[in-house]
Each structure stands twice: as structure tokens, then as C-alpha cells.
Amino acid sequence: FMADAGTTVTLKTTPDANVVTYGAILERIPGGV
């Protein structure tokens, strides 16, 4: 995706009973993450 700073991103998941999900956002900046 392409997006501008200040844009809100939302993630919704609907898993079955065999899985639990966790999430993270990695922000790539000069010199690291």
C-alpha cells in the first residue's frame, strides 16, 4: 500500500478456533526500526 503520514490503518481478523493472533507495526526510520 501507499499512504501518507497521519493516515490511520485498521486491521480486523476473524480466525477460527484453532488460532490466536497478535500484531505489531514496524516503523522503518533512518538507521533502524
Full PDB file with SEQRES, HELIX, SHEET, SSBOND, CRYST1, ORIGX, SCALE, CONECT and MASTER records, all heavy atoms in Angstrom:
SEQRES   1 A   33  PHE MET ALA ASP ALA GLY THR THR VAL THR LEU LYS THR          
SEQRES   2 A   33  THR PRO ASP ALA ASN VAL VAL THR TYR GLY ALA ILE LEU          
SEQRES   3 A   33  GLU ARG ILE PRO GLY GLY VAL                                  
CRYST1    1.000    1.000    1.000  90.00  90.00  90.00 P 1           1          
ORIGX1      1.000000  0.000000  0.000000        0.00000                         
ORIGX2      0.000000  1.000000  0.000000        0.00000                         
ORIGX3      0.000000  0.000000  1.000000        0.00000                         
SCALE1      1.000000  0.000000  0.000000        0.00000                         
SCALE2      0.000000  1.000000  0.000000        0.00000                         
SCALE3      0.000000  0.000000  1.000000        0.00000                         
ATOM      1  N   PHE A   1       0.841  -1.191   0.000  1.00  0.00           N  
ATOM      2  CA  PHE A   1       0.000   0.000   0.000  1.00  0.00           C  
ATOM      3  C   PHE A   1       0.878   1.243   0.000  1.00  0.00           C  
ATOM      4  O   PHE A   1       2.011   1.207   0.468  1.00  0.00           O  
ATOM      5  CB  PHE A   1      -0.895   0.049   1.251  1.00  0.00           C  
ATOM      6  CG  PHE A   1      -1.925  -1.027   1.313  1.00  0.00           C  
ATOM      7  CD1 PHE A   1      -1.696  -2.183   2.022  1.00  0.00           C  
ATOM      8  CD2 PHE A   1      -3.140  -0.880   0.655  1.00  0.00           C  
ATOM      9  CE1 PHE A   1      -2.655  -3.184   2.086  1.00  0.00           C  
ATOM     10  CE2 PHE A   1      -4.108  -1.876   0.717  1.00  0.00           C  
ATOM     11  CZ  PHE A   1      -3.850  -3.030   1.438  1.00  0.00           C  
ATOM     12  N   MET A   2       0.324   2.340  -0.487  1.00  0.00           N  
ATOM     13  CA  MET A   2       0.930   3.674  -0.384  1.00  0.00           C  
ATOM     14  C   MET A   2       0.050   4.482   0.554  1.00  0.00           C  
ATOM     15  O   MET A   2      -1.180   4.414   0.471  1.00  0.00           O  
ATOM     16  CB  MET A   2       1.002   4.359  -1.745  1.00  0.00           C  
ATOM     17  CG  MET A   2       1.777   3.603  -2.798  1.00  0.00           C  
ATOM     18  SD  MET A   2       3.537   3.519  -2.480  1.00  0.00           S  
ATOM     19  CE  MET A   2       4.035   5.184  -2.819  1.00  0.00           C  
ATOM     20  N   ALA A   3       0.663   5.252   1.469  1.00  0.00           N  
ATOM     21  CA  ALA A   3      -0.114   6.054   2.409  1.00  0.00           C  
ATOM     22  C   ALA A   3       0.690   7.272   2.836  1.00  0.00           C  
ATOM     23  O   ALA A   3       1.908   7.308   2.703  1.00  0.00           O  
ATOM     24  CB  ALA A   3      -0.493   5.228   3.627  1.00  0.00           C  
ATOM     25  N   ASP A   4      -0.020   8.265   3.342  1.00  0.00           N  
ATOM     26  CA  ASP A   4       0.598   9.488   3.870  1.00  0.00           C  
ATOM     27  C   ASP A   4       0.727   9.391   5.379  1.00  0.00           C  
ATOM     28  O   ASP A   4      -0.069   8.717   6.039  1.00  0.00           O  
ATOM     29  CB  ASP A   4      -0.267  10.714   3.541  1.00  0.00           C  
ATOM     30  CG  ASP A   4      -0.362  10.977   2.043  1.00  0.00           C  
ATOM     31  OD1 ASP A   4       0.654  10.795   1.344  1.00  0.00           O  
ATOM     32  OD2 ASP A   4      -1.448  11.355   1.583  1.00  0.00           O  
ATOM     33  N   ALA A   5       1.722  10.095   5.929  1.00  0.00           N  
ATOM     34  CA  ALA A   5       1.824  10.202   7.388  1.00  0.00           C  
ATOM     35  C   ALA A   5       0.523  10.804   7.912  1.00  0.00           C  
ATOM     36  O   ALA A   5      -0.079  11.669   7.285  1.00  0.00           O  
ATOM     37  CB  ALA A   5       3.011  11.075   7.769  1.00  0.00           C  
ATOM     38  N   GLY A   6       0.057  10.317   9.052  1.00  0.00           N  
ATOM     39  CA  GLY A   6      -1.201  10.775   9.625  1.00  0.00           C  
ATOM     40  C   GLY A   6      -2.391   9.925   9.247  1.00  0.00           C  
ATOM     41  O   GLY A   6      -3.473  10.074   9.811  1.00  0.00           O  
ATOM     42  N   THR A   7      -2.220   8.998   8.289  1.00  0.00           N  
ATOM     43  CA  THR A   7      -3.284   8.083   7.894  1.00  0.00           C  
ATOM     44  C   THR A   7      -3.459   7.030   8.991  1.00  0.00           C  
ATOM     45  O   THR A   7      -2.482   6.509   9.519  1.00  0.00           O  
ATOM     46  CB  THR A   7      -2.936   7.386   6.565  1.00  0.00           C  
ATOM     47  OG1 THR A   7      -2.763   8.372   5.552  1.00  0.00           O  
ATOM     48  CG2 THR A   7      -4.008   6.399   6.145  1.00  0.00           C  
ATOM     49  N   THR A   8      -4.696   6.698   9.324  1.00  0.00           N  
ATOM     50  CA  THR A   8      -4.968   5.632  10.289  1.00  0.00           C  
ATOM     51  C   THR A   8      -5.163   4.322   9.535  1.00  0.00           C  
ATOM     52  O   THR A   8      -5.913   4.270   8.574  1.00  0.00           O  
ATOM     53  CB  THR A   8      -6.233   5.942  11.117  1.00  0.00           C  
ATOM     54  OG1 THR A   8      -6.034   7.161  11.821  1.00  0.00           O  
ATOM     55  CG2 THR A   8      -6.531   4.818  12.104  1.00  0.00           C  
ATOM     56  N   VAL A   9      -4.465   3.276   9.997  1.00  0.00           N  
ATOM     57  CA  VAL A   9      -4.630   1.941   9.435  1.00  0.00           C  
ATOM     58  C   VAL A   9      -5.296   1.073  10.503  1.00  0.00           C  
ATOM     59  O   VAL A   9      -4.955   1.150  11.678  1.00  0.00           O  
ATOM     60  CB  VAL A   9      -3.289   1.342   8.962  1.00  0.00           C  
ATOM     61  CG1 VAL A   9      -2.289   1.228  10.086  1.00  0.00           C  
ATOM     62  CG2 VAL A   9      -3.497  -0.006   8.299  1.00  0.00           C  
ATOM     63  N   THR A  10      -6.283   0.270  10.082  1.00  0.00           N  
ATOM     64  CA  THR A  10      -7.022  -0.597  10.995  1.00  0.00           C  
ATOM     65  C   THR A  10      -7.002  -2.017  10.455  1.00  0.00           C  
ATOM     66  O   THR A  10      -7.198  -2.231   9.264  1.00  0.00           O  
ATOM     67  CB  THR A  10      -8.488  -0.125  11.129  1.00  0.00           C  
ATOM     68  OG1 THR A  10      -8.488   1.222  11.603  1.00  0.00           O  
ATOM     69  CG2 THR A  10      -9.269  -1.002  12.087  1.00  0.00           C  
ATOM     70  N   LEU A  11      -6.760  -2.973  11.348  1.00  0.00           N  
ATOM     71  CA  LEU A  11      -6.750  -4.389  10.978  1.00  0.00           C  
ATOM     72  C   LEU A  11      -7.772  -5.121  11.827  1.00  0.00           C  
ATOM     73  O   LEU A  11      -7.786  -4.999  13.048  1.00  0.00           O  
ATOM     74  CB  LEU A  11      -5.371  -5.001  11.204  1.00  0.00           C  
ATOM     75  CG  LEU A  11      -5.272  -6.500  10.934  1.00  0.00           C  
ATOM     76  CD1 LEU A  11      -5.512  -6.808   9.459  1.00  0.00           C  
ATOM     77  CD2 LEU A  11      -3.929  -7.032  11.382  1.00  0.00           C  
ATOM     78  N   LYS A  12      -8.637  -5.879  11.170  1.00  0.00           N  
ATOM     79  CA  LYS A  12      -9.611  -6.744  11.844  1.00  0.00           C  
ATOM     80  C   LYS A  12      -9.347  -8.172  11.379  1.00  0.00           C  
ATOM     81  O   LYS A  12      -9.102  -8.409  10.189  1.00  0.00           O  
ATOM     82  CB  LYS A  12     -11.037  -6.356  11.473  1.00  0.00           C  
ATOM     83  CG  LYS A  12     -11.375  -4.914  11.784  1.00  0.00           C  
ATOM     84  CD  LYS A  12     -12.224  -4.825  13.001  1.00  0.00           C  
ATOM     85  CE  LYS A  12     -12.657  -3.372  13.166  1.00  0.00           C  
ATOM     86  NZ  LYS A  12     -12.674  -2.945  14.501  1.00  0.00           N  
ATOM     87  N   THR A  13      -9.393  -9.115  12.314  1.00  0.00           N  
ATOM     88  CA  THR A  13      -9.208 -10.519  11.963  1.00  0.00           C  
ATOM     89  C   THR A  13     -10.390 -11.332  12.483  1.00  0.00           C  
ATOM     90  O   THR A  13     -10.970 -11.005  13.514  1.00  0.00           O  
ATOM     91  CB  THR A  13      -7.910 -11.096  12.558  1.00  0.00           C  
ATOM     92  OG1 THR A  13      -8.001 -11.075  13.980  1.00  0.00           O  
ATOM     93  CG2 THR A  13      -6.693 -10.316  12.103  1.00  0.00           C  
ATOM     94  N   THR A  14     -10.728 -12.381  11.742  1.00  0.00           N  
ATOM     95  CA  THR A  14     -11.762 -13.326  12.161  1.00  0.00           C  
ATOM     96  C   THR A  14     -11.170 -14.725  12.008  1.00  0.00           C  
ATOM     97  O   THR A  14     -11.325 -15.361  10.967  1.00  0.00           O  
ATOM     98  CB  THR A  14     -13.030 -13.166  11.303  1.00  0.00           C  
ATOM     99  OG1 THR A  14     -13.415 -11.799  11.307  1.00  0.00           O  
ATOM    100  CG2 THR A  14     -14.168 -14.019  11.848  1.00  0.00           C  
ATOM    101  N   PRO A  15     -10.450 -15.191  13.029  1.00  0.00           N  
ATOM    102  CA  PRO A  15      -9.828 -16.509  12.933  1.00  0.00           C  
ATOM    103  C   PRO A  15     -10.791 -17.616  13.375  1.00  0.00           C  
ATOM    104  O   PRO A  15     -11.789 -17.351  14.045  1.00  0.00           O  
ATOM    105  CB  PRO A  15      -8.662 -16.412  13.912  1.00  0.00           C  
ATOM    106  CG  PRO A  15      -9.138 -15.455  14.943  1.00  0.00           C  
ATOM    107  CD  PRO A  15     -10.043 -14.466  14.218  1.00  0.00           C  
ATOM    108  N   ASP A  16     -10.476 -18.848  12.985  1.00  0.00           N  
ATOM    109  CA  ASP A  16     -11.245 -19.966  13.517  1.00  0.00           C  
ATOM    110  C   ASP A  16     -10.731 -20.307  14.914  1.00  0.00           C  
ATOM    111  O   ASP A  16      -9.826 -19.653  15.438  1.00  0.00           O  
ATOM    112  CB  ASP A  16     -11.236 -21.158  12.555  1.00  0.00           C  
ATOM    113  CG  ASP A  16      -9.871 -21.817  12.375  1.00  0.00           C  
ATOM    114  OD1 ASP A  16      -9.007 -21.680  13.266  1.00  0.00           O  
ATOM    115  OD2 ASP A  16      -9.676 -22.485  11.358  1.00  0.00           O  
ATOM    116  N   ALA A  17     -11.287 -21.345  15.527  1.00  0.00           N  
ATOM    117  CA  ALA A  17     -10.977 -21.671  16.926  1.00  0.00           C  
ATOM    118  C   ALA A  17      -9.567 -22.234  17.130  1.00  0.00           C  
ATOM    119  O   ALA A  17      -9.118 -22.348  18.266  1.00  0.00           O  
ATOM    120  CB  ALA A  17     -12.001 -22.663  17.448  1.00  0.00           C  
ATOM    121  N   ASN A  18      -8.865 -22.549  16.054  1.00  0.00           N  
ATOM    122  CA  ASN A  18      -7.540 -23.166  16.179  1.00  0.00           C  
ATOM    123  C   ASN A  18      -6.388 -22.179  16.234  1.00  0.00           C  
ATOM    124  O   ASN A  18      -5.234 -22.588  16.253  1.00  0.00           O  
ATOM    125  CB  ASN A  18      -7.297 -24.141  15.015  1.00  0.00           C  
ATOM    126  CG  ASN A  18      -8.194 -25.347  15.102  1.00  0.00           C  
ATOM    127  OD1 ASN A  18      -8.524 -25.802  16.193  1.00  0.00           O  
ATOM    128  ND2 ASN A  18      -8.609 -25.861  13.970  1.00  0.00           N  
ATOM    129  N   VAL A  19      -6.683 -20.874  16.254  1.00  0.00           N  
ATOM    130  CA  VAL A  19      -5.584 -19.903  16.199  1.00  0.00           C  
ATOM    131  C   VAL A  19      -5.914 -18.675  17.041  1.00  0.00           C  
ATOM    132  O   VAL A  19      -7.058 -18.271  17.162  1.00  0.00           O  
ATOM    133  CB  VAL A  19      -5.277 -19.501  14.734  1.00  0.00           C  
ATOM    134  CG1 VAL A  19      -6.442 -18.779  14.095  1.00  0.00           C  
ATOM    135  CG2 VAL A  19      -4.016 -18.666  14.633  1.00  0.00           C  
ATOM    136  N   VAL A  20      -4.873 -18.120  17.627  1.00  0.00           N  
ATOM    137  CA  VAL A  20      -4.916 -16.811  18.290  1.00  0.00           C  
ATOM    138  C   VAL A  20      -3.908 -15.948  17.555  1.00  0.00           C  
ATOM    139  O   VAL A  20      -2.837 -16.423  17.163  1.00  0.00           O  
ATOM    140  CB  VAL A  20      -4.533 -16.924  19.784  1.00  0.00           C  
ATOM    141  CG1 VAL A  20      -4.483 -15.564  20.439  1.00  0.00           C  
ATOM    142  CG2 VAL A  20      -5.507 -17.832  20.512  1.00  0.00           C  
ATOM    143  N   THR A  21      -4.224 -14.667  17.336  1.00  0.00           N  
ATOM    144  CA  THR A  21      -3.318 -13.812  16.572  1.00  0.00           C  
ATOM    145  C   THR A  21      -2.931 -12.569  17.361  1.00  0.00           C  
ATOM    146  O   THR A  21      -3.730 -12.010  18.105  1.00  0.00           O  
ATOM    147  CB  THR A  21      -3.957 -13.370  15.249  1.00  0.00           C  
ATOM    148  OG1 THR A  21      -5.187 -12.723  15.522  1.00  0.00           O  
ATOM    149  CG2 THR A  21      -4.191 -14.543  14.330  1.00  0.00           C  
ATOM    150  N   TYR A  22      -1.686 -12.173  17.174  1.00  0.00           N  
ATOM    151  CA  TYR A  22      -1.148 -10.951  17.765  1.00  0.00           C  
ATOM    152  C   TYR A  22      -0.569 -10.118  16.632  1.00  0.00           C  
ATOM    153  O   TYR A  22      -0.281 -10.634  15.555  1.00  0.00           O  
ATOM    154  CB  TYR A  22      -0.079 -11.277  18.806  1.00  0.00           C  
ATOM    155  CG  TYR A  22      -0.653 -12.037  19.971  1.00  0.00           C  
ATOM    156  CD1 TYR A  22      -0.693 -13.425  19.956  1.00  0.00           C  
ATOM    157  CD2 TYR A  22      -1.199 -11.362  21.058  1.00  0.00           C  
ATOM    158  CE1 TYR A  22      -1.254 -14.126  21.006  1.00  0.00           C  
ATOM    159  CE2 TYR A  22      -1.762 -12.060  22.109  1.00  0.00           C  
ATOM    160  CZ  TYR A  22      -1.783 -13.440  22.079  1.00  0.00           C  
ATOM    161  OH  TYR A  22      -2.338 -14.124  23.113  1.00  0.00           O  
ATOM    162  N   GLY A  23      -0.388  -8.822  16.871  1.00  0.00           N  
ATOM    163  CA  GLY A  23       0.086  -7.969  15.799  1.00  0.00           C  
ATOM    164  C   GLY A  23       1.126  -6.977  16.256  1.00  0.00           C  
ATOM    165  O   GLY A  23       1.276  -6.693  17.448  1.00  0.00           O  
ATOM    166  N   ALA A  24       1.834  -6.447  15.277  1.00  0.00           N  
ATOM    167  CA  ALA A  24       2.828  -5.409  15.523  1.00  0.00           C  
ATOM    168  C   ALA A  24       2.939  -4.535  14.292  1.00  0.00           C  
ATOM    169  O   ALA A  24       2.642  -4.963  13.178  1.00  0.00           O  
ATOM    170  CB  ALA A  24       4.194  -6.018  15.838  1.00  0.00           C  
ATOM    171  N   ILE A  25       3.366  -3.303  14.516  1.00  0.00           N  
ATOM    172  CA  ILE A  25       3.684  -2.397  13.423  1.00  0.00           C  
ATOM    173  C   ILE A  25       5.163  -2.064  13.540  1.00  0.00           C  
ATOM    174  O   ILE A  25       5.625  -1.627  14.595  1.00  0.00           O  
ATOM    175  CB  ILE A  25       2.842  -1.114  13.473  1.00  0.00           C  
ATOM    176  CG1 ILE A  25       1.380  -1.453  13.236  1.00  0.00           C  
ATOM    177  CG2 ILE A  25       3.356  -0.088  12.468  1.00  0.00           C  
ATOM    178  CD1 ILE A  25       0.452  -0.266  13.215  1.00  0.00           C  
ATOM    179  N   LEU A  26       5.905  -2.312  12.472  1.00  0.00           N  
ATOM    180  CA  LEU A  26       7.310  -1.948  12.418  1.00  0.00           C  
ATOM    181  C   LEU A  26       7.420  -0.684  11.594  1.00  0.00           C  
ATOM    182  O   LEU A  26       6.967  -0.629  10.447  1.00  0.00           O  
ATOM    183  CB  LEU A  26       8.148  -3.057  11.778  1.00  0.00           C  
ATOM    184  CG  LEU A  26       8.538  -4.225  12.674  1.00  0.00           C  
ATOM    185  CD1 LEU A  26       7.334  -4.964  13.198  1.00  0.00           C  
ATOM    186  CD2 LEU A  26       9.476  -5.152  11.962  1.00  0.00           C  
ATOM    187  N   GLU A  27       7.999   0.341  12.177  1.00  0.00           N  
ATOM    188  CA  GLU A  27       8.158   1.633  11.517  1.00  0.00           C  
ATOM    189  C   GLU A  27       9.617   1.745  11.075  1.00  0.00           C  
ATOM    190  O   GLU A  27      10.518   1.739  11.910  1.00  0.00           O  
ATOM    191  CB  GLU A  27       7.794   2.728  12.521  1.00  0.00           C  
ATOM    192  CG  GLU A  27       7.717   4.100  11.954  1.00  0.00           C  
ATOM    193  CD  GLU A  27       7.207   5.086  12.994  1.00  0.00           C  
ATOM    194  OE1 GLU A  27       7.878   5.251  14.037  1.00  0.00           O  
ATOM    195  OE2 GLU A  27       6.150   5.669  12.763  1.00  0.00           O  
ATOM    196  N   ARG A  28       9.844   1.803   9.762  1.00  0.00           N  
ATOM    197  CA  ARG A  28      11.198   1.892   9.231  1.00  0.00           C  
ATOM    198  C   ARG A  28      11.630   3.356   9.204  1.00  0.00           C  
ATOM    199  O   ARG A  28      11.020   4.176   8.522  1.00  0.00           O  
ATOM    200  CB  ARG A  28      11.265   1.271   7.836  1.00  0.00           C  
ATOM    201  CG  ARG A  28      10.990  -0.231   7.851  1.00  0.00           C  
ATOM    202  CD  ARG A  28      11.167  -0.885   6.492  1.00  0.00           C  
ATOM    203  NE  ARG A  28      10.469  -0.237   5.401  1.00  0.00           N  
ATOM    204  CZ  ARG A  28       9.196  -0.421   5.088  1.00  0.00           C  
ATOM    205  NH1 ARG A  28       8.450  -1.221   5.805  1.00  0.00           N  
ATOM    206  NH2 ARG A  28       8.658   0.184   4.059  1.00  0.00           N  
ATOM    207  N   ILE A  29      12.683   3.671   9.962  1.00  0.00           N  
ATOM    208  CA  ILE A  29      13.212   5.035  10.039  1.00  0.00           C  
ATOM    209  C   ILE A  29      14.689   4.991   9.662  1.00  0.00           C  
ATOM    210  O   ILE A  29      15.302   3.914   9.695  1.00  0.00           O  
ATOM    211  CB  ILE A  29      13.038   5.624  11.460  1.00  0.00           C  
ATOM    212  CG1 ILE A  29      13.736   4.735  12.499  1.00  0.00           C  
ATOM    213  CG2 ILE A  29      11.552   5.764  11.806  1.00  0.00           C  
ATOM    214  CD1 ILE A  29      13.778   5.304  13.890  1.00  0.00           C  
ATOM    215  N   PRO A  30      15.275   6.132   9.303  1.00  0.00           N  
ATOM    216  CA  PRO A  30      16.712   6.124   9.004  1.00  0.00           C  
ATOM    217  C   PRO A  30      17.495   5.569  10.199  1.00  0.00           C  
ATOM    218  O   PRO A  30      17.318   6.000  11.329  1.00  0.00           O  
ATOM    219  CB  PRO A  30      17.032   7.593   8.764  1.00  0.00           C  
ATOM    220  CG  PRO A  30      15.734   8.189   8.316  1.00  0.00           C  
ATOM    221  CD  PRO A  30      14.671   7.444   9.093  1.00  0.00           C  
ATOM    222  N   GLY A  31      18.290   4.555   9.950  1.00  0.00           N  
ATOM    223  CA  GLY A  31      19.120   3.976  10.994  1.00  0.00           C  
ATOM    224  C   GLY A  31      18.478   2.876  11.812  1.00  0.00           C  
ATOM    225  O   GLY A  31      19.068   2.382  12.763  1.00  0.00           O  
ATOM    226  N   GLY A  32      17.265   2.450  11.480  1.00  0.00           N  
ATOM    227  CA  GLY A  32      16.692   1.376  12.272  1.00  0.00           C  
ATOM    228  C   GLY A  32      15.204   1.174  12.101  1.00  0.00           C  
ATOM    229  O   GLY A  32      14.599   1.663  11.160  1.00  0.00           O  
ATOM    230  N   VAL A  33      14.638   0.467  13.079  1.00  0.00           N  
ATOM    231  CA  VAL A  33      13.223   0.117  13.074  1.00  0.00           C  
ATOM    232  C   VAL A  33      12.667   0.346  14.475  1.00  0.00           C  
ATOM    233  O   VAL A  33      13.307   0.023  15.469  1.00  0.00           O  
ATOM    234  CB  VAL A  33      13.023  -1.368  12.677  1.00  0.00           C  
ATOM    235  CG1 VAL A  33      11.575  -1.802  12.825  1.00  0.00           C  
ATOM    236  CG2 VAL A  33      13.509  -1.624  11.265  1.00  0.00           C  
TER     237      VAL A  33                                                      
MASTER        0    0    0    0    0    0    0    6  236    1    0    3          
END                                                                             
